[in-house]
Protein backbone atom coordinates (compact mmCIF):
# COMPACT_ATOMS: atom_id res chain seq x y z
CA MET A 1 124.55 170.87 76.45
CA SER A 2 121.37 168.97 75.61
CA ASP A 3 119.60 166.90 78.22
CA TYR A 4 118.23 164.29 75.83
CA ASP A 5 118.92 162.80 72.42
CA LEU A 6 115.30 163.30 71.34
CA VAL A 7 112.24 165.07 72.69
CA ILE A 8 108.82 164.63 71.08
CA ARG A 9 106.60 167.43 72.34
CA ASN A 10 102.90 168.24 72.56
CA GLY A 11 101.67 164.91 71.26
CA VAL A 12 98.61 162.88 72.15
CA ILE A 13 100.25 159.97 73.92
CA ILE A 14 98.77 156.47 73.75
CA ASP A 15 101.39 154.75 75.86
CA GLY A 16 100.62 151.09 75.14
CA SER A 17 99.27 150.25 78.59
CA GLY A 18 95.63 150.42 77.51
CA ASP A 19 95.05 153.46 79.72
CA PRO A 20 93.37 156.60 78.30
CA ARG A 21 95.40 158.88 76.05
CA PHE A 22 96.86 162.12 77.38
CA GLU A 23 98.77 165.12 76.06
CA GLY A 24 102.45 165.40 76.84
CA ASP A 25 106.07 164.96 75.83
CA VAL A 26 108.37 161.98 75.46
CA ALA A 27 112.12 162.27 76.04
CA VAL A 28 114.73 159.74 74.89
CA ARG A 29 118.28 159.19 76.11
CA ASP A 30 120.70 156.40 75.12
CA GLY A 31 118.02 154.45 73.26
CA LEU A 32 115.58 154.37 76.17
CA ILE A 33 112.55 156.36 77.24
CA ALA A 34 113.80 158.87 79.83
CA GLU A 35 110.67 160.86 80.63
CA VAL A 36 106.99 160.89 79.71
CA GLY A 37 104.72 163.81 80.56
CA LYS A 38 106.02 167.35 80.90
CA VAL A 39 109.66 167.49 79.78
CA ASP A 40 111.56 170.65 80.66
CA GLY A 41 114.99 169.70 79.31
CA GLN A 42 116.11 170.09 75.70
CA GLY A 43 116.83 167.42 73.12
CA ILE A 44 119.50 167.27 70.45
CA ARG A 45 116.51 166.73 68.16
CA GLU A 46 113.10 168.16 68.91
CA ILE A 47 109.84 167.19 67.17
CA ASP A 48 106.62 169.11 67.57
CA ALA A 49 103.93 166.40 67.54
CA ARG A 50 101.01 168.75 68.07
CA GLY A 51 97.90 167.08 66.65
CA ARG A 52 99.76 163.78 66.27
CA LEU A 53 99.50 160.46 68.11
CA VAL A 54 102.65 159.34 69.90
CA GLN A 55 102.70 155.63 70.68
CA PRO A 56 105.04 152.64 71.01
CA GLY A 57 106.44 150.89 67.98
CA PHE A 58 104.45 147.85 66.94
CA VAL A 59 105.70 144.33 67.68
CA ASP A 60 104.83 141.89 64.89
CA ILE A 61 105.21 138.34 66.18
CA HIS A 62 104.39 136.47 62.95
CA THR A 63 106.69 137.19 60.01
CA HIS A 64 108.92 135.27 57.63
CA TYR A 65 112.01 137.41 57.12
CA ASP A 66 114.22 134.31 57.54
CA GLY A 67 115.75 134.77 54.09
CA GLN A 68 115.46 138.51 53.54
CA ALA A 69 117.19 139.27 56.83
CA THR A 70 120.35 137.54 55.54
CA TRP A 71 120.70 139.86 52.54
CA ASP A 72 118.71 143.03 53.28
CA THR A 73 119.34 145.58 56.02
CA GLN A 74 115.85 147.01 55.51
CA LEU A 75 113.05 144.76 56.77
CA ALA A 76 110.53 146.66 54.71
CA PRO A 77 107.65 146.87 54.30
CA SER A 78 107.15 146.04 58.00
CA SER A 79 109.21 149.05 59.05
CA TRP A 80 106.99 151.30 56.92
CA HIS A 81 103.96 150.26 58.95
CA GLY A 82 105.26 151.31 62.34
CA VAL A 83 106.68 147.89 63.20
CA THR A 84 109.88 148.16 65.23
CA THR A 85 110.32 144.50 66.23
CA VAL A 86 109.57 141.37 64.18
CA VAL A 87 109.59 137.70 65.12
CA THR A 88 110.46 135.37 62.26
CA GLY A 89 110.85 131.58 61.94
CA ASN A 90 107.11 130.96 62.22
CA CYS A 91 105.09 127.99 60.92
CA GLY A 92 107.96 125.55 61.37
CA VAL A 93 109.84 126.71 58.24
CA GLY A 94 113.26 128.29 58.03
CA PHE A 95 116.84 127.71 56.95
CA ALA A 96 118.67 126.31 59.96
CA PRO A 97 119.91 123.91 61.02
CA VAL A 98 120.74 122.54 57.59
CA LYS A 99 123.10 120.09 55.96
CA PRO A 100 124.37 121.19 52.53
CA SER A 101 122.46 118.33 50.92
CA ASP A 102 119.16 119.64 52.33
CA ARG A 103 119.45 123.29 51.29
CA ASP A 104 117.33 122.82 48.17
CA ARG A 105 114.65 121.01 50.15
CA LEU A 106 114.38 123.87 52.67
CA VAL A 107 114.15 126.37 49.82
CA GLN A 108 111.39 124.30 48.19
CA LEU A 109 109.52 124.17 51.48
CA MET A 110 109.75 127.93 52.04
CA GLU A 111 108.81 128.58 48.41
CA GLY A 112 105.73 126.38 48.67
CA VAL A 113 104.55 127.31 52.17
CA GLU A 114 105.33 131.02 52.09
CA ASP A 115 105.39 131.86 48.34
CA ILE A 116 108.92 133.27 48.31
CA PRO A 117 110.53 132.71 44.88
CA GLY A 118 113.03 129.89 44.96
CA THR A 119 115.24 131.77 42.50
CA ALA A 120 115.47 134.69 44.92
CA LEU A 121 116.30 132.40 47.84
CA HIS A 122 118.94 130.50 45.86
CA GLU A 123 120.51 133.78 44.79
CA GLY A 124 120.19 135.63 48.08
CA LEU A 125 120.91 133.11 50.83
CA PRO A 126 124.64 133.09 51.67
CA TRP A 127 124.49 129.66 53.36
CA THR A 128 127.36 130.50 55.70
CA TRP A 129 125.89 128.28 58.41
CA GLU A 130 124.96 124.72 59.20
CA SER A 131 123.86 124.91 62.84
CA PHE A 132 121.14 127.20 64.12
CA GLU A 133 123.72 128.92 66.29
CA GLU A 134 125.75 129.76 63.17
CA TYR A 135 122.60 131.09 61.50
CA LEU A 136 122.05 133.42 64.45
CA ASP A 137 125.65 134.58 64.15
CA CYS A 138 125.04 135.39 60.47
CA LEU A 139 122.02 137.52 61.35
CA ASP A 140 123.86 139.11 64.25
CA SER A 141 126.68 140.23 61.97
CA MET A 142 124.30 142.29 59.84
CA PRO A 143 122.56 145.41 61.16
CA HIS A 144 118.91 146.00 60.30
CA ASP A 145 116.52 148.90 60.48
CA ILE A 146 114.34 147.16 63.09
CA ASP A 147 114.88 144.51 65.74
CA LEU A 148 114.63 140.84 64.79
CA ALA A 149 113.94 137.76 66.91
CA VAL A 150 114.08 134.24 65.48
CA GLN A 151 112.33 130.96 66.27
CA LEU A 152 113.77 127.51 65.64
CA PRO A 153 111.76 125.87 62.79
CA HIS A 154 110.65 122.28 63.37
CA ALA A 155 110.83 121.25 59.69
CA ALA A 156 114.50 122.17 59.46
CA VAL A 157 115.30 120.34 62.70
CA ARG A 158 113.45 117.21 61.56
CA LEU A 159 115.26 117.13 58.22
CA TYR A 160 118.61 117.73 59.90
CA VAL A 161 118.19 114.81 62.30
CA MET A 162 116.13 112.33 60.28
CA GLY A 163 117.01 113.12 56.66
CA GLU A 164 114.74 111.38 54.16
CA ARG A 165 112.83 109.67 56.98
CA GLY A 166 111.92 113.09 58.31
CA ALA A 167 110.91 114.41 54.90
CA SER A 168 108.64 111.40 54.32
CA ARG A 169 107.06 111.95 57.75
CA GLN A 170 108.08 108.68 59.32
CA PRO A 171 107.69 108.48 63.10
CA ALA A 172 110.68 109.72 65.05
CA THR A 173 112.57 107.19 67.14
CA GLN A 174 113.54 107.91 70.73
CA ASP A 175 117.06 108.67 69.52
CA ASP A 176 115.67 111.09 66.91
CA ILE A 177 113.62 112.84 69.58
CA ALA A 178 116.64 113.08 71.86
CA GLN A 179 118.71 114.70 69.08
CA MET A 180 115.94 117.14 68.12
CA SER A 181 115.43 118.04 71.77
CA GLU A 182 119.13 118.77 72.21
CA ILE A 183 119.12 120.99 69.12
CA ALA A 184 116.09 122.85 70.49
CA ARG A 185 117.69 123.31 73.90
CA SER A 186 120.96 124.56 72.39
CA ALA A 187 119.13 126.90 70.01
CA VAL A 188 117.15 128.54 72.80
CA ASP A 189 120.27 128.84 74.95
CA ALA A 190 122.01 130.51 71.97
CA GLY A 191 119.21 133.04 71.56
CA ALA A 192 116.28 131.52 69.66
CA ILE A 193 113.19 133.19 71.02
CA GLY A 194 111.27 129.95 70.68
CA PHE A 195 110.25 127.00 68.54
CA SER A 196 107.61 126.75 65.81
CA SER A 197 105.84 123.86 64.11
CA SER A 198 103.21 123.33 61.40
CA ARG A 199 100.48 120.69 61.41
CA THR A 200 98.32 121.91 58.52
CA VAL A 201 97.70 120.21 55.17
CA ARG A 202 97.81 123.68 53.56
CA HIS A 203 101.57 123.83 54.05
CA LYS A 204 103.31 122.08 51.15
CA SER A 205 106.62 122.45 49.37
CA SER A 206 106.83 123.84 45.85
CA LEU A 207 106.85 120.19 44.73
CA GLY A 208 103.52 119.58 46.46
CA GLU A 209 104.99 117.58 49.33
CA PRO A 210 103.38 118.05 52.78
CA THR A 211 105.47 119.75 55.43
CA PRO A 212 107.66 117.17 57.23
CA THR A 213 106.05 118.06 60.56
CA LEU A 214 102.43 117.58 59.46
CA ASP A 215 101.74 114.54 61.64
CA ALA A 216 104.70 114.55 64.03
CA GLU A 217 103.64 112.33 66.90
CA PHE A 218 102.88 113.25 70.50
CA ASP A 219 106.20 112.01 71.92
CA GLU A 220 108.19 114.09 69.43
CA MET A 221 106.28 117.29 70.12
CA ILE A 222 106.33 116.83 73.88
CA GLY A 223 109.99 115.86 73.94
CA ILE A 224 111.02 119.05 72.16
CA ALA A 225 108.69 121.17 74.31
CA GLU A 226 110.10 119.69 77.52
CA ALA A 227 113.66 120.34 76.36
CA ILE A 228 112.82 123.99 75.77
CA GLY A 229 111.03 124.12 79.09
CA GLY A 230 114.21 122.96 80.77
CA THR A 231 115.94 126.17 79.70
CA GLY A 232 113.34 128.30 81.46
CA LYS A 233 113.16 130.43 78.31
CA GLY A 234 111.40 130.59 74.97
CA VAL A 235 107.93 130.28 73.48
CA LEU A 236 106.15 127.69 71.33
CA GLN A 237 104.22 128.55 68.15
CA LEU A 238 101.86 126.18 66.32
CA VAL A 239 99.64 126.20 63.26
CA SER A 240 97.15 123.35 62.83
CA ASP A 241 93.91 122.55 61.00
CA PHE A 242 92.32 121.25 64.23
CA THR A 243 90.20 118.82 62.24
CA ASP A 244 90.45 116.56 65.30
CA PHE A 245 89.94 119.38 67.76
CA GLU A 246 90.24 117.48 71.02
CA SER A 247 93.42 115.65 70.05
CA GLU A 248 95.15 118.69 68.61
CA PHE A 249 94.24 121.05 71.42
CA ASP A 250 95.21 118.43 73.99
CA LEU A 251 98.62 118.34 72.34
CA ALA A 252 99.00 122.14 72.50
CA ARG A 253 97.81 122.21 76.09
CA GLU A 254 100.17 119.40 77.09
CA MET A 255 103.09 121.12 75.39
CA GLY A 256 102.35 124.21 77.44
CA ARG A 257 101.81 122.24 80.63
CA ARG A 258 104.94 120.11 80.43
CA SER A 259 107.23 122.88 79.23
CA GLY A 260 105.85 125.65 81.41
CA ARG A 261 106.36 127.95 78.40
CA PRO A 262 103.82 130.16 76.59
CA VAL A 263 102.17 128.74 73.46
CA SER A 264 100.55 130.63 70.60
CA ILE A 265 98.31 129.19 67.89
CA SER A 266 97.16 130.70 64.58
CA VAL A 267 93.42 131.39 64.68
CA GLY A 268 91.06 132.31 61.84
CA GLN A 269 87.58 131.62 60.47
CA THR A 270 87.45 129.05 57.67
CA SER A 271 84.52 128.08 55.49
CA SER A 272 84.88 124.41 56.43
CA LEU A 273 84.83 125.08 60.19
CA PRO A 274 83.31 128.55 60.51
CA HIS A 275 82.83 128.51 64.30
CA GLN A 276 85.98 126.74 65.38
CA TRP A 277 87.93 129.97 65.97
CA LYS A 278 85.62 130.78 68.87
CA ARG A 279 85.97 127.27 70.28
CA LEU A 280 89.74 127.62 70.09
CA LEU A 281 89.89 130.96 71.92
CA ASP A 282 87.46 129.76 74.58
CA ALA A 283 89.54 126.61 75.10
CA MET A 284 92.56 128.85 75.61
CA ALA A 285 90.67 130.68 78.35
CA GLU A 286 89.98 127.35 80.03
CA ALA A 287 93.67 126.44 79.78
CA LYS A 288 94.53 129.75 81.43
CA ASP A 289 92.40 128.72 84.40
CA GLU A 290 94.64 125.64 84.63
CA GLY A 291 97.75 127.84 84.67
CA ILE A 292 98.68 127.13 81.04
CA SER A 293 99.44 130.11 78.79
CA ILE A 294 98.05 129.70 75.26
CA LYS A 295 97.30 132.72 73.09
CA GLY A 296 95.57 132.91 69.73
CA GLN A 297 97.31 134.85 66.97
CA VAL A 298 94.58 136.62 64.97
CA GLY A 299 94.52 138.83 61.89
CA ALA A 300 93.30 142.39 61.49
CA ARG A 301 91.20 141.62 58.39
CA PRO A 302 90.67 138.69 56.02
CA ILE A 303 93.71 136.80 54.86
CA GLY A 304 93.20 137.56 51.22
CA VAL A 305 94.79 136.51 47.93
CA LEU A 306 95.61 139.21 45.38
CA VAL A 307 94.69 138.31 41.80
CA SER A 308 96.28 140.16 38.87
CA HIS A 309 98.46 139.85 35.79
CA LEU A 310 101.48 140.56 37.99
CA ALA A 311 100.53 138.17 40.80
CA THR A 312 101.11 134.47 41.29
CA VAL A 313 97.35 133.88 41.09
CA ASN A 314 95.66 134.62 37.77
CA PRO A 315 92.52 132.75 36.59
CA PHE A 316 93.62 132.84 32.96
CA LYS A 317 97.32 132.07 33.09
CA SER A 318 96.86 128.37 32.18
CA CYS A 319 94.82 129.13 29.08
CA PRO A 320 96.88 128.29 25.95
CA SER A 321 96.16 131.64 24.32
CA TYR A 322 97.33 133.42 27.46
CA GLU A 323 100.45 131.28 27.76
CA ALA A 324 101.30 132.14 24.15
CA LEU A 325 101.80 135.75 25.21
CA GLY A 326 104.20 134.86 28.01
CA ASP A 327 107.38 135.98 26.23
CA LEU A 328 106.07 139.48 25.54
CA PRO A 329 107.04 142.44 27.70
CA PHE A 330 104.32 143.20 30.22
CA ALA A 331 102.93 146.24 28.37
CA GLY A 332 102.86 144.32 25.11
CA ARG A 333 101.05 141.41 26.71
CA ILE A 334 98.40 143.75 28.11
CA ASP A 335 97.93 145.31 24.66
CA GLN A 336 97.35 141.86 23.18
CA LEU A 337 94.91 140.94 25.95
CA ARG A 338 92.78 143.93 24.98
CA ASN A 339 92.22 142.36 21.56
CA GLU A 340 88.62 141.10 21.45
CA GLU A 341 89.49 137.98 19.48
CA ILE A 342 92.22 136.97 21.95
CA LYS A 343 89.92 137.78 24.86
CA GLN A 344 87.19 135.51 23.52
CA ARG A 345 89.63 132.66 22.91
CA ILE A 346 90.94 132.90 26.48
CA LEU A 347 87.43 133.02 27.94
CA ASP A 348 86.45 129.98 25.86
CA GLU A 349 89.57 128.11 27.00
CA TYR A 350 89.09 129.00 30.66
CA GLU A 351 86.43 126.37 31.37
CA ALA A 352 88.42 123.64 29.64
CA VAL A 353 91.75 124.28 31.37
CA SER A 354 90.45 125.16 34.82
CA ASP A 355 90.51 121.42 35.63
CA GLY A 356 88.78 121.87 38.93
CA SER A 357 90.45 125.18 39.77
CA VAL A 358 87.27 126.93 38.65
CA LEU A 359 85.98 125.92 42.06
CA ARG A 360 88.84 127.90 43.58
CA PHE A 361 87.89 131.04 41.72
CA LYS A 362 84.59 131.66 43.40
CA TRP A 363 83.47 134.84 41.70
CA HIS A 364 80.97 135.65 44.46
CA ASN A 365 83.93 135.94 46.83
CA MET A 366 86.17 138.10 44.64
CA PHE A 367 86.14 141.90 44.69
CA PRO A 368 87.92 144.85 43.05
CA LEU A 369 90.44 145.95 45.68
CA GLY A 370 90.55 149.65 44.90
CA ASP A 371 92.93 152.36 46.09
CA PRO A 372 92.70 152.96 49.01
CA PRO A 373 91.96 149.26 49.33
CA ASN A 374 88.65 148.05 50.71
CA TYR A 375 89.18 145.00 52.93
CA GLU A 376 85.57 144.70 54.05
CA PRO A 377 83.73 144.82 50.71
CA ASP A 378 79.98 144.46 50.53
CA PRO A 379 78.93 141.13 48.92
CA SER A 380 76.88 143.15 46.42
CA THR A 381 80.14 144.43 44.91
CA SER A 382 81.55 140.97 44.16
CA ILE A 383 82.60 139.98 40.65
CA ALA A 384 79.58 137.67 40.40
CA ALA A 385 77.03 140.21 41.67
CA THR A 386 78.35 143.02 39.47
CA ALA A 387 78.52 140.75 36.42
CA GLU A 388 74.91 139.77 36.95
CA ARG A 389 73.86 143.41 37.00
CA LEU A 390 75.86 144.06 33.85
CA GLY A 391 74.46 140.98 32.12
CA VAL A 392 77.88 139.43 31.46
CA ALA A 393 79.65 136.29 32.60
CA PRO A 394 81.70 136.69 35.81
CA LYS A 395 84.86 135.50 34.06
CA ALA A 396 84.41 138.18 31.40
CA HIS A 397 83.91 140.87 34.03
CA ALA A 398 87.02 139.70 35.88
CA TYR A 399 88.97 139.73 32.62
CA ASP A 400 88.01 143.35 31.97
CA LEU A 401 88.74 144.44 35.55
CA MET A 402 92.22 142.95 35.42
CA LEU A 403 93.05 145.10 32.37
CA GLU A 404 92.35 148.33 34.24
CA GLN A 405 95.19 150.50 35.53
CA ASP A 406 97.33 149.45 32.56
CA GLY A 407 96.87 145.81 33.49
CA LYS A 408 97.93 146.28 37.11
CA ALA A 409 94.50 146.31 38.75
CA LEU A 410 94.02 143.98 41.70
CA ILE A 411 91.15 141.66 42.54
CA TYR A 412 90.85 140.68 46.19
CA MET A 413 89.91 137.13 47.18
CA PRO A 414 89.47 136.73 50.96
CA ILE A 415 90.12 133.13 52.00
CA ILE A 416 90.10 133.35 55.82
CA ASN A 417 87.82 135.44 58.08
CA TYR A 418 85.19 136.37 55.47
CA VAL A 419 82.75 133.48 55.56
CA ASP A 420 79.88 135.77 56.59
CA GLY A 421 80.69 138.56 54.13
CA ASP A 422 81.85 140.95 56.85
CA LEU A 423 84.44 141.27 59.61
CA ALA A 424 82.22 140.72 62.64
CA CYS A 425 84.18 137.59 63.52
CA VAL A 426 87.47 139.49 63.27
CA ARG A 427 86.27 142.07 65.75
CA GLU A 428 85.40 139.30 68.20
CA GLN A 429 88.80 137.71 67.63
CA LEU A 430 90.69 140.97 68.14
CA THR A 431 88.88 141.89 71.34
CA HIS A 432 88.97 138.41 72.91
CA ASP A 433 91.01 138.23 76.10
CA MET A 434 93.07 135.34 74.76
CA SER A 435 94.09 136.91 71.44
CA VAL A 436 97.04 138.92 70.20
CA PRO A 437 97.43 140.39 66.70
CA GLY A 438 99.60 138.32 64.37
CA LEU A 439 99.60 136.46 61.05
CA SER A 440 100.84 139.40 58.95
CA ASP A 441 103.40 137.09 57.29
CA GLY A 442 105.72 140.03 56.57
CA GLY A 443 108.41 138.93 54.13
CA ALA A 444 106.31 136.04 52.78
CA HIS A 445 103.59 135.33 50.20
CA VAL A 446 105.28 137.95 48.08
CA GLY A 447 103.25 137.19 44.96
CA THR A 448 99.88 136.27 46.47
CA ILE A 449 99.19 138.09 49.75
CA CYS A 450 100.17 141.46 51.18
CA ASP A 451 99.00 141.36 54.78
CA VAL A 452 102.12 143.02 56.18
CA SER A 453 99.94 146.12 56.62
CA PHE A 454 97.80 144.48 59.34
CA PRO A 455 99.04 146.98 62.00
CA THR A 456 97.98 149.88 59.79
CA THR A 457 94.57 148.30 59.17
CA LEU A 458 94.09 148.10 62.93
CA MET A 459 94.64 151.83 63.22
CA ILE A 460 92.73 152.99 60.14
CA TRP A 461 89.80 150.59 59.81
CA TRP A 462 89.20 149.46 63.36
CA GLY A 463 90.24 152.70 65.04
CA ARG A 464 88.82 155.30 62.65
CA ASP A 465 86.95 154.40 59.45
CA ARG A 466 84.75 151.37 60.11
CA PRO A 467 81.15 152.62 60.15
CA LYS A 468 80.27 150.59 63.24
CA ASP A 469 81.77 148.60 66.10
CA ARG A 470 85.12 150.34 66.10
CA ILE A 471 87.76 149.36 68.64
CA PRO A 472 89.21 152.01 70.99
CA LEU A 473 92.67 153.10 69.89
CA GLU A 474 94.00 152.48 73.37
CA MET A 475 93.10 148.79 73.02
CA ILE A 476 94.51 148.59 69.50
CA VAL A 477 97.85 150.08 70.52
CA TYR A 478 98.03 147.88 73.62
CA LYS A 479 97.26 144.74 71.62
CA GLN A 480 99.75 145.43 68.80
CA SER A 481 102.61 146.69 70.97
CA ARG A 482 102.58 145.68 74.63
CA ALA A 483 100.48 142.50 74.38
CA THR A 484 102.45 141.11 71.45
CA ALA A 485 105.75 141.94 73.16
CA LEU A 486 104.68 140.18 76.35
CA ALA A 487 103.44 137.16 74.37
CA VAL A 488 106.99 136.40 73.21
CA GLY A 489 108.86 137.51 76.31
CA LEU A 490 110.11 140.87 75.01
CA ASN A 491 109.13 142.67 78.18
CA ASP A 492 111.33 145.73 77.64
CA ARG A 493 109.23 147.28 74.85
CA GLY A 494 105.72 148.12 73.72
CA LEU A 495 105.26 150.76 76.45
CA LEU A 496 106.09 154.46 76.60
CA ALA A 497 107.43 154.63 80.14
CA PRO A 498 110.84 155.49 81.65
CA GLY A 499 113.37 152.72 81.19
CA TYR A 500 111.60 151.05 78.27
CA LYS A 501 113.08 150.80 74.81
CA ALA A 502 112.61 153.97 72.77
CA ASP A 503 110.69 152.42 69.88
CA ILE A 504 108.17 155.11 68.98
CA ASN A 505 105.67 156.02 66.27
CA VAL A 506 104.46 159.56 65.60
CA ILE A 507 101.25 159.31 63.57
CA ASP A 508 99.11 161.90 61.82
CA PHE A 509 95.93 159.98 62.52
CA ASP A 510 93.61 162.15 60.40
CA ARG A 511 95.90 161.77 57.39
CA LEU A 512 96.71 158.10 57.91
CA THR A 513 96.12 156.37 54.56
CA LEU A 514 96.82 152.83 53.41
CA HIS A 515 97.62 152.57 49.71
CA ALA A 516 96.99 149.64 47.39
CA PRO A 517 99.76 147.05 47.07
CA HIS A 518 102.09 147.37 44.11
CA VAL A 519 104.67 145.05 42.56
CA VAL A 520 108.41 145.68 42.54
CA THR A 521 111.28 143.51 41.28
CA ASP A 522 113.86 144.12 44.00
CA LEU A 523 114.37 140.58 45.32
CA PRO A 524 117.59 138.75 44.43
CA ALA A 525 117.64 137.45 40.84
CA GLY A 526 115.02 140.10 39.99
CA GLY A 527 112.29 138.37 41.98
CA ARG A 528 108.94 140.10 42.29
CA ARG A 529 107.11 140.98 45.45
CA PHE A 530 104.15 143.03 46.58
CA LEU A 531 104.88 146.10 48.69
CA GLN A 532 102.32 148.35 50.34
CA LYS A 533 102.86 151.93 51.41
CA VAL A 534 101.21 154.03 54.09
CA THR A 535 100.99 157.79 54.44
CA GLY A 536 100.65 159.39 57.85
CA ILE A 537 103.18 157.47 59.92
CA ASP A 538 105.40 160.53 60.05
CA HIS A 539 108.19 159.12 62.19
CA THR A 540 109.21 155.62 63.32
CA PHE A 541 112.06 155.41 65.81
CA VAL A 542 114.00 152.31 66.87
CA SER A 543 116.07 152.88 70.01
CA GLY A 544 115.51 156.59 69.49
CA ILE A 545 116.83 156.60 65.91
CA GLU A 546 114.46 157.34 63.03
CA VAL A 547 114.23 154.47 60.55
CA ALA A 548 111.24 155.40 58.38
CA SER A 549 108.91 158.26 57.51
CA ASN A 550 105.83 157.91 55.33
CA SER A 551 107.05 154.66 53.75
CA VAL A 552 110.52 156.00 53.03
CA SER A 553 113.39 154.32 54.86
CA THR A 554 116.02 156.64 56.31
CA GLY A 555 118.79 154.11 55.81
CA ALA A 556 119.55 153.99 59.54
CA THR A 557 120.18 150.52 60.97
CA PRO A 558 119.79 150.61 64.76
CA GLY A 559 117.95 147.27 64.74
CA ARG A 560 119.67 144.20 66.10
CA LEU A 561 119.16 140.47 66.48
CA LEU A 562 117.46 139.80 69.80
CA ARG A 563 118.94 136.75 71.45
CA GLY A 564 116.17 135.47 73.68
CA GLY A 565 113.62 137.41 75.69
CA ARG A 566 114.07 140.69 77.51
CA ALA A 567 113.38 141.42 81.15
CA GLU A 568 111.06 144.24 82.12
CA PRO A 569 112.95 147.40 83.17
CA GLN A 570 113.25 147.83 86.92
């Protein structure tokens, strides 16, 4: 007779508390941690983790698996990167509640805001729900490899209650607010982990329409927050431009104050307001002194756009001579693009058709990504700087780079957190007392961004490879597991201690390698998406069951929908 279901022996344990690492064993029984330290009993399965790190599974609180989770049991690539719990429904976008007449509008909003192909969503979404409660039931009926928690999206609620008035961003009436508040209360009681809203001009539908919640007024936001507060459960998540800092932060603070619930806000360095991230985090510290919980969700590196012939973003795709090749198979198109005459025509056309977008392609802020990818490139390696050394035009150098690797080479264009040409600001964000890691957008931006590997970047770049100012692994693991879990009320995980959920990573830290993103066509209707693999995460367990090893899913589906928060084990 075995004493445990699983025993991981002789590992270097980083338990998620932030305390120093130590050598020992971890035993699992019935999906929970049974012992940590010296384990004498035997397991049905035994793993020798000598020379490996043993740590909690990562909790990623900012993803967009709202659609994928309805058709796919594997929430990859998050599960490849040691993530064992994801929170979806961020940024105020999602698919419930919904009236049949508004389904297309919600698809257009998700397609525009999160770059998920509308064809894939139309093909993949089963639409077996109208209410948010029915949407939760749909997710609950389908097992997944990792655990999933869902937030109620403000845009969907506003459209459901206000229809065209909500879409056109008209002010909500008191009756509208009462209906939205009741939906929010019922959703949280049914298991929504919280409520999310977007107030940024960057969020637009695929038709170019601003998100319906862009300028939702104070009474609407407070009314919904107070309704959620009345349940005694749930969290609030916001994204905003903070162009009017005082007004917007006052709103967030008042939502936290009146609801008594934790708030989180997306934080990053922008070129237009390069120091505002620090002001935001410091204001959160002041709110904490007032008893209001507001955390900043921060990234592990720049939020960066991938540019290639396979990506959504391509500087040359609007050139007539490029468009003329659109019906060719990919390999044939690349062969034609190598033709010097076609190349020159496209380069000549580029200036004429850019129509202002040339300002978007700032060659001094675009870099070859490489494999393994370099997410903190030196400015001297930019397209513009290299082209100058070569004596060619930046557009010509970019053209040639994009033809490398059989036309699959990637150019990296950081758009957030790289104003100064390095990641000094990111280190300050990550180590700030008021921050938690987030913003990976797993499941979203499938043709433009592949930041789902943020947890791996934390380990590799900040914990091992950065030449200076590294962050202790104990802090990294605490921030990405325990701190993120606590931020959304999932208090039963993120810690290797008896009674806690047995979500565990076994990592060969010396061999840990992040590979360059690559494109696959595995979405419904043959939709494309970027995936990114990692080598060195040897075992990822959810509730003691292995779900992935070195970017290969085992096919196991122990993950479940989490209805609401989780109490800390007694």
